[in-house]
N, C-alpha and C. Protein backbone atom coordinates (compact mmCIF):
# COMPACT_ATOMS: atom_id res chain seq x y z
N MET A 1 12.44 76.27 42.59
CA MET A 1 11.03 75.96 42.43
C MET A 1 10.61 76.03 40.97
N LYS A 2 11.47 76.56 40.17
CA LYS A 2 11.13 76.68 38.76
C LYS A 2 10.92 75.32 38.12
N SER A 3 11.72 74.32 38.50
CA SER A 3 11.61 72.99 37.89
C SER A 3 10.30 72.31 38.30
N ILE A 4 9.81 72.56 39.53
CA ILE A 4 8.54 71.98 39.96
C ILE A 4 7.40 72.56 39.14
N HIS A 5 7.44 73.85 38.90
CA HIS A 5 6.40 74.47 38.09
C HIS A 5 6.44 73.95 36.66
N GLN A 6 7.64 73.71 36.16
CA GLN A 6 7.74 73.17 34.80
C GLN A 6 7.16 71.76 34.75
N ALA A 7 7.40 70.95 35.75
CA ALA A 7 6.84 69.60 35.79
C ALA A 7 5.33 69.66 35.88
N GLN A 8 4.80 70.60 36.65
CA GLN A 8 3.35 70.74 36.75
C GLN A 8 2.77 71.20 35.42
N ASP A 9 3.48 72.08 34.72
CA ASP A 9 3.02 72.54 33.42
C ASP A 9 2.99 71.39 32.42
N ILE A 10 3.98 70.54 32.47
CA ILE A 10 4.02 69.39 31.56
C ILE A 10 2.85 68.46 31.83
N GLU A 11 2.57 68.24 33.10
CA GLU A 11 1.47 67.36 33.46
C GLU A 11 0.15 67.95 32.99
N ILE A 12 0.03 69.25 33.08
CA ILE A 12 -1.20 69.91 32.64
C ILE A 12 -1.32 69.82 31.12
N GLU A 13 -0.19 70.01 30.42
CA GLU A 13 -0.22 69.98 28.96
C GLU A 13 -0.48 68.57 28.43
N GLU A 14 0.09 67.56 29.06
CA GLU A 14 -0.04 66.18 28.60
C GLU A 14 -0.68 65.34 29.70
N PRO A 15 -1.99 65.17 29.67
CA PRO A 15 -2.63 64.36 30.71
C PRO A 15 -2.20 62.90 30.60
N GLY A 16 -1.89 62.30 31.75
CA GLY A 16 -1.49 60.91 31.79
C GLY A 16 -0.01 60.68 31.56
N LEU A 17 0.78 61.76 31.46
CA LEU A 17 2.21 61.61 31.21
C LEU A 17 2.90 60.92 32.38
N MET A 18 2.54 61.27 33.59
CA MET A 18 3.16 60.66 34.76
C MET A 18 2.84 59.16 34.83
N GLU A 19 1.62 58.79 34.47
CA GLU A 19 1.26 57.37 34.45
C GLU A 19 2.07 56.61 33.40
N LYS A 20 2.28 57.26 32.25
CA LYS A 20 3.09 56.64 31.20
C LYS A 20 4.54 56.48 31.65
N LEU A 21 5.07 57.47 32.36
CA LEU A 21 6.43 57.37 32.87
C LEU A 21 6.55 56.27 33.92
N GLU A 22 5.55 56.16 34.77
CA GLU A 22 5.55 55.10 35.76
C GLU A 22 5.48 53.73 35.09
N ASP A 23 4.64 53.58 34.08
CA ASP A 23 4.56 52.33 33.34
C ASP A 23 5.88 52.01 32.66
N PHE A 24 6.51 53.02 32.09
CA PHE A 24 7.81 52.83 31.43
C PHE A 24 8.86 52.37 32.43
N ALA A 25 8.90 53.00 33.60
CA ALA A 25 9.87 52.61 34.63
C ALA A 25 9.60 51.19 35.11
N HIS A 26 8.32 50.88 35.33
CA HIS A 26 7.95 49.53 35.78
C HIS A 26 8.34 48.49 34.73
N THR A 27 8.12 48.79 33.47
CA THR A 27 8.48 47.88 32.38
C THR A 27 9.99 47.68 32.32
N ASN A 28 10.75 48.76 32.50
CA ASN A 28 12.21 48.63 32.48
C ASN A 28 12.73 47.79 33.65
N VAL A 29 12.12 47.94 34.82
CA VAL A 29 12.52 47.14 35.97
C VAL A 29 12.22 45.66 35.71
N LYS A 30 11.04 45.38 35.16
CA LYS A 30 10.68 43.99 34.85
C LYS A 30 11.63 43.41 33.80
N LEU A 31 11.97 44.20 32.79
CA LEU A 31 12.90 43.75 31.76
C LEU A 31 14.26 43.43 32.36
N PHE A 32 14.74 44.28 33.25
CA PHE A 32 16.01 44.02 33.92
C PHE A 32 15.95 42.74 34.75
N GLN A 33 14.83 42.52 35.44
CA GLN A 33 14.67 41.31 36.23
C GLN A 33 14.69 40.07 35.34
N TYR A 34 14.00 40.13 34.21
CA TYR A 34 13.98 38.97 33.30
C TYR A 34 15.35 38.71 32.70
N LYS A 35 16.08 39.77 32.37
CA LYS A 35 17.43 39.59 31.84
C LYS A 35 18.34 38.97 32.90
N ALA A 36 18.21 39.42 34.15
CA ALA A 36 19.03 38.88 35.24
C ALA A 36 18.70 37.40 35.47
N ILE A 37 17.43 37.06 35.42
CA ILE A 37 17.03 35.66 35.59
C ILE A 37 17.57 34.81 34.45
N ASP A 38 17.50 35.34 33.24
CA ASP A 38 18.01 34.62 32.07
C ASP A 38 19.51 34.37 32.18
N LYS A 39 20.26 35.40 32.55
CA LYS A 39 21.71 35.23 32.70
C LYS A 39 22.03 34.29 33.85
N GLY A 40 21.31 34.40 34.94
CA GLY A 40 21.55 33.54 36.09
C GLY A 40 21.30 32.08 35.77
N THR A 41 20.20 31.79 35.07
CA THR A 41 19.92 30.40 34.71
C THR A 41 20.92 29.89 33.68
N GLU A 42 21.38 30.76 32.79
CA GLU A 42 22.40 30.35 31.82
C GLU A 42 23.70 29.97 32.52
N VAL A 43 24.12 30.79 33.48
CA VAL A 43 25.34 30.49 34.22
C VAL A 43 25.15 29.24 35.08
N ALA A 44 24.01 29.12 35.73
CA ALA A 44 23.76 27.95 36.58
C ALA A 44 23.75 26.67 35.76
N SER A 45 23.12 26.70 34.59
CA SER A 45 23.10 25.49 33.76
C SER A 45 24.50 25.15 33.26
N SER A 46 25.30 26.17 32.97
CA SER A 46 26.68 25.92 32.55
C SER A 46 27.49 25.30 33.69
N VAL A 47 27.30 25.80 34.89
CA VAL A 47 28.03 25.27 36.04
C VAL A 47 27.60 23.82 36.32
N ILE A 48 26.31 23.56 36.28
CA ILE A 48 25.82 22.20 36.55
C ILE A 48 26.33 21.22 35.51
N SER A 49 26.25 21.59 34.23
CA SER A 49 26.74 20.68 33.20
C SER A 49 28.25 20.51 33.31
N GLY A 50 28.97 21.56 33.69
CA GLY A 50 30.41 21.45 33.90
C GLY A 50 30.76 20.52 35.04
N VAL A 51 29.98 20.59 36.11
CA VAL A 51 30.22 19.71 37.27
C VAL A 51 29.95 18.25 36.89
N ILE A 52 28.87 18.01 36.16
CA ILE A 52 28.55 16.64 35.75
C ILE A 52 29.65 16.09 34.84
N MET A 53 30.08 16.88 33.87
CA MET A 53 31.16 16.43 32.99
C MET A 53 32.45 16.24 33.78
N GLY A 54 32.71 17.12 34.74
CA GLY A 54 33.90 17.00 35.56
C GLY A 54 33.92 15.73 36.40
N VAL A 55 32.76 15.33 36.92
CA VAL A 55 32.68 14.11 37.72
C VAL A 55 33.03 12.89 36.86
N PHE A 56 32.45 12.82 35.66
CA PHE A 56 32.75 11.68 34.79
C PHE A 56 34.20 11.70 34.32
N PHE A 57 34.71 12.88 34.02
CA PHE A 57 36.11 12.99 33.63
C PHE A 57 37.03 12.55 34.76
N LEU A 58 36.73 13.00 35.98
CA LEU A 58 37.54 12.63 37.14
C LEU A 58 37.49 11.13 37.40
N LEU A 59 36.32 10.53 37.28
CA LEU A 59 36.19 9.10 37.48
C LEU A 59 37.04 8.33 36.46
N GLY A 60 36.94 8.70 35.20
CA GLY A 60 37.76 8.05 34.18
C GLY A 60 39.24 8.29 34.40
N PHE A 61 39.59 9.48 34.82
CA PHE A 61 40.98 9.84 35.06
C PHE A 61 41.57 9.01 36.21
N VAL A 62 40.80 8.82 37.27
CA VAL A 62 41.26 8.03 38.41
C VAL A 62 41.47 6.58 38.00
N ILE A 63 40.53 6.03 37.26
CA ILE A 63 40.65 4.63 36.84
C ILE A 63 41.86 4.45 35.92
N LEU A 64 42.04 5.36 34.98
CA LEU A 64 43.20 5.29 34.10
C LEU A 64 44.51 5.45 34.88
N SER A 65 44.52 6.32 35.87
CA SER A 65 45.73 6.53 36.68
C SER A 65 46.09 5.27 37.47
N ILE A 66 45.09 4.63 38.04
CA ILE A 66 45.35 3.39 38.79
C ILE A 66 45.87 2.32 37.84
N GLY A 67 45.25 2.21 36.68
CA GLY A 67 45.71 1.23 35.70
C GLY A 67 47.13 1.51 35.24
N LEU A 68 47.45 2.77 35.00
CA LEU A 68 48.81 3.13 34.58
C LEU A 68 49.82 2.86 35.69
N ALA A 69 49.44 3.14 36.94
CA ALA A 69 50.33 2.87 38.07
C ALA A 69 50.59 1.38 38.21
N LEU A 70 49.56 0.57 38.03
CA LEU A 70 49.74 -0.88 38.10
C LEU A 70 50.61 -1.39 36.94
N LEU A 71 50.43 -0.79 35.76
CA LEU A 71 51.25 -1.17 34.60
C LEU A 71 52.72 -0.83 34.83
N ILE A 72 52.98 0.37 35.30
CA ILE A 72 54.37 0.77 35.58
C ILE A 72 54.96 -0.13 36.67
N GLY A 73 54.14 -0.43 37.68
CA GLY A 73 54.60 -1.32 38.75
C GLY A 73 54.94 -2.71 38.25
N SER A 74 54.13 -3.19 37.30
CA SER A 74 54.44 -4.53 36.76
C SER A 74 55.72 -4.50 35.92
N TRP A 75 55.99 -3.41 35.25
CA TRP A 75 57.24 -3.29 34.48
C TRP A 75 58.45 -3.26 35.42
N LEU A 76 58.26 -2.67 36.60
CA LEU A 76 59.37 -2.55 37.56
C LEU A 76 59.37 -3.69 38.58
N ASP A 77 58.47 -4.64 38.44
CA ASP A 77 58.34 -5.80 39.33
C ASP A 77 57.98 -5.43 40.77
N ASN A 78 57.37 -4.28 40.96
CA ASN A 78 56.89 -3.89 42.28
C ASN A 78 55.79 -2.84 42.09
N SER A 79 54.56 -3.18 42.49
CA SER A 79 53.44 -2.27 42.24
C SER A 79 53.58 -0.95 42.98
N TYR A 80 54.30 -0.95 44.12
CA TYR A 80 54.48 0.29 44.87
C TYR A 80 55.22 1.34 44.04
N TYR A 81 56.17 0.91 43.26
CA TYR A 81 56.95 1.86 42.46
C TYR A 81 56.06 2.59 41.45
N GLY A 82 55.14 1.86 40.88
CA GLY A 82 54.23 2.50 39.92
C GLY A 82 53.40 3.60 40.56
N PHE A 83 52.90 3.34 41.76
CA PHE A 83 52.11 4.36 42.46
C PHE A 83 52.98 5.53 42.91
N PHE A 84 54.22 5.25 43.34
CA PHE A 84 55.11 6.36 43.70
C PHE A 84 55.45 7.22 42.49
N ILE A 85 55.69 6.59 41.37
CA ILE A 85 56.01 7.34 40.15
C ILE A 85 54.81 8.18 39.72
N MET A 86 53.62 7.61 39.76
CA MET A 86 52.42 8.37 39.39
C MET A 86 52.17 9.50 40.39
N GLY A 87 52.40 9.24 41.66
CA GLY A 87 52.25 10.29 42.67
C GLY A 87 53.22 11.44 42.45
N ALA A 88 54.46 11.11 42.12
CA ALA A 88 55.46 12.16 41.84
C ALA A 88 55.07 12.95 40.60
N PHE A 89 54.58 12.25 39.58
CA PHE A 89 54.14 12.93 38.36
C PHE A 89 53.02 13.92 38.67
N TYR A 90 52.01 13.48 39.42
CA TYR A 90 50.90 14.37 39.75
C TYR A 90 51.33 15.50 40.68
N PHE A 91 52.29 15.25 41.54
CA PHE A 91 52.82 16.31 42.38
C PHE A 91 53.47 17.40 41.53
N LEU A 92 54.31 16.98 40.58
CA LEU A 92 54.97 17.95 39.70
C LEU A 92 53.96 18.68 38.81
N LEU A 93 52.96 17.95 38.33
CA LEU A 93 51.91 18.58 37.53
C LEU A 93 51.13 19.60 38.36
N GLY A 94 50.81 19.26 39.60
CA GLY A 94 50.12 20.20 40.48
C GLY A 94 50.95 21.43 40.78
N LEU A 95 52.26 21.23 40.96
CA LEU A 95 53.16 22.36 41.19
C LEU A 95 53.21 23.28 39.98
N LEU A 96 53.26 22.70 38.79
CA LEU A 96 53.27 23.49 37.56
C LEU A 96 51.97 24.28 37.41
N ILE A 97 50.86 23.63 37.66
CA ILE A 97 49.56 24.32 37.56
C ILE A 97 49.47 25.43 38.61
N TYR A 98 49.98 25.18 39.80
CA TYR A 98 49.96 26.21 40.85
C TYR A 98 50.79 27.43 40.42
N LEU A 99 51.95 27.19 39.84
CA LEU A 99 52.81 28.30 39.44
C LEU A 99 52.22 29.09 38.27
N LEU A 100 51.46 28.43 37.42
CA LEU A 100 50.88 29.10 36.25
C LEU A 100 49.37 29.30 36.38
N ARG A 101 48.86 29.29 37.62
CA ARG A 101 47.42 29.35 37.83
C ARG A 101 46.78 30.62 37.29
N ASP A 102 47.45 31.76 37.39
CA ASP A 102 46.86 33.00 36.89
C ASP A 102 46.67 32.95 35.38
N LYS A 103 47.68 32.46 34.69
CA LYS A 103 47.64 32.43 33.23
C LYS A 103 46.71 31.33 32.71
N TRP A 104 46.72 30.16 33.33
CA TRP A 104 45.97 29.02 32.83
C TRP A 104 44.56 28.90 33.37
N ILE A 105 44.32 29.42 34.58
CA ILE A 105 43.02 29.21 35.21
C ILE A 105 42.28 30.52 35.46
N LYS A 106 42.91 31.43 36.19
CA LYS A 106 42.22 32.64 36.65
C LYS A 106 41.76 33.52 35.49
N THR A 107 42.66 33.86 34.59
CA THR A 107 42.31 34.76 33.48
C THR A 107 41.26 34.14 32.56
N PRO A 108 41.42 32.88 32.09
CA PRO A 108 40.37 32.31 31.24
C PRO A 108 39.02 32.18 31.95
N LEU A 109 39.04 31.89 33.24
CA LEU A 109 37.79 31.78 33.99
C LEU A 109 37.09 33.13 34.10
N ILE A 110 37.84 34.16 34.39
CA ILE A 110 37.25 35.51 34.46
C ILE A 110 36.68 35.92 33.11
N ASN A 111 37.43 35.66 32.05
CA ASN A 111 36.95 36.01 30.71
C ASN A 111 35.69 35.24 30.35
N SER A 112 35.65 33.97 30.68
CA SER A 112 34.48 33.14 30.38
C SER A 112 33.24 33.62 31.14
N LEU A 113 33.41 33.89 32.42
CA LEU A 113 32.26 34.36 33.21
C LEU A 113 31.82 35.75 32.78
N SER A 114 32.76 36.61 32.39
CA SER A 114 32.41 37.95 31.93
C SER A 114 31.57 37.87 30.66
N LYS A 115 31.93 36.97 29.75
CA LYS A 115 31.16 36.80 28.52
C LYS A 115 29.75 36.30 28.80
N LYS A 116 29.63 35.41 29.79
CA LYS A 116 28.30 34.87 30.11
C LYS A 116 27.39 35.94 30.72
N PHE A 117 27.97 36.80 31.57
CA PHE A 117 27.14 37.81 32.23
C PHE A 117 26.89 39.02 31.35
N LEU A 118 27.75 39.27 30.39
CA LEU A 118 27.56 40.43 29.51
C LEU A 118 26.94 39.94 28.24
């Protein structure tokens, strides 16, 4: 009970101290909310711009891949061969990315998101 008496003594000595502490706590909560909103909108805008850039990159990549497959097919006198060769290339590329996913994707992504939130 000694600590309760000390708190009452402080309140008696400094009128309005509890109101100031409540205002301080309320201000800190609001500041935390604004910081969270700021970080959230920063991450959301980064994700949205990344998705938009990714869509255009993917579209260009698909068109270039089809063109390259047709070119290889014309060199081999059969368009099917060009598509099979491109398919095998992308299969091997996907396998390589899968095997190195932690080093190439997971770790950089975690580091990037950690920097954005901190």
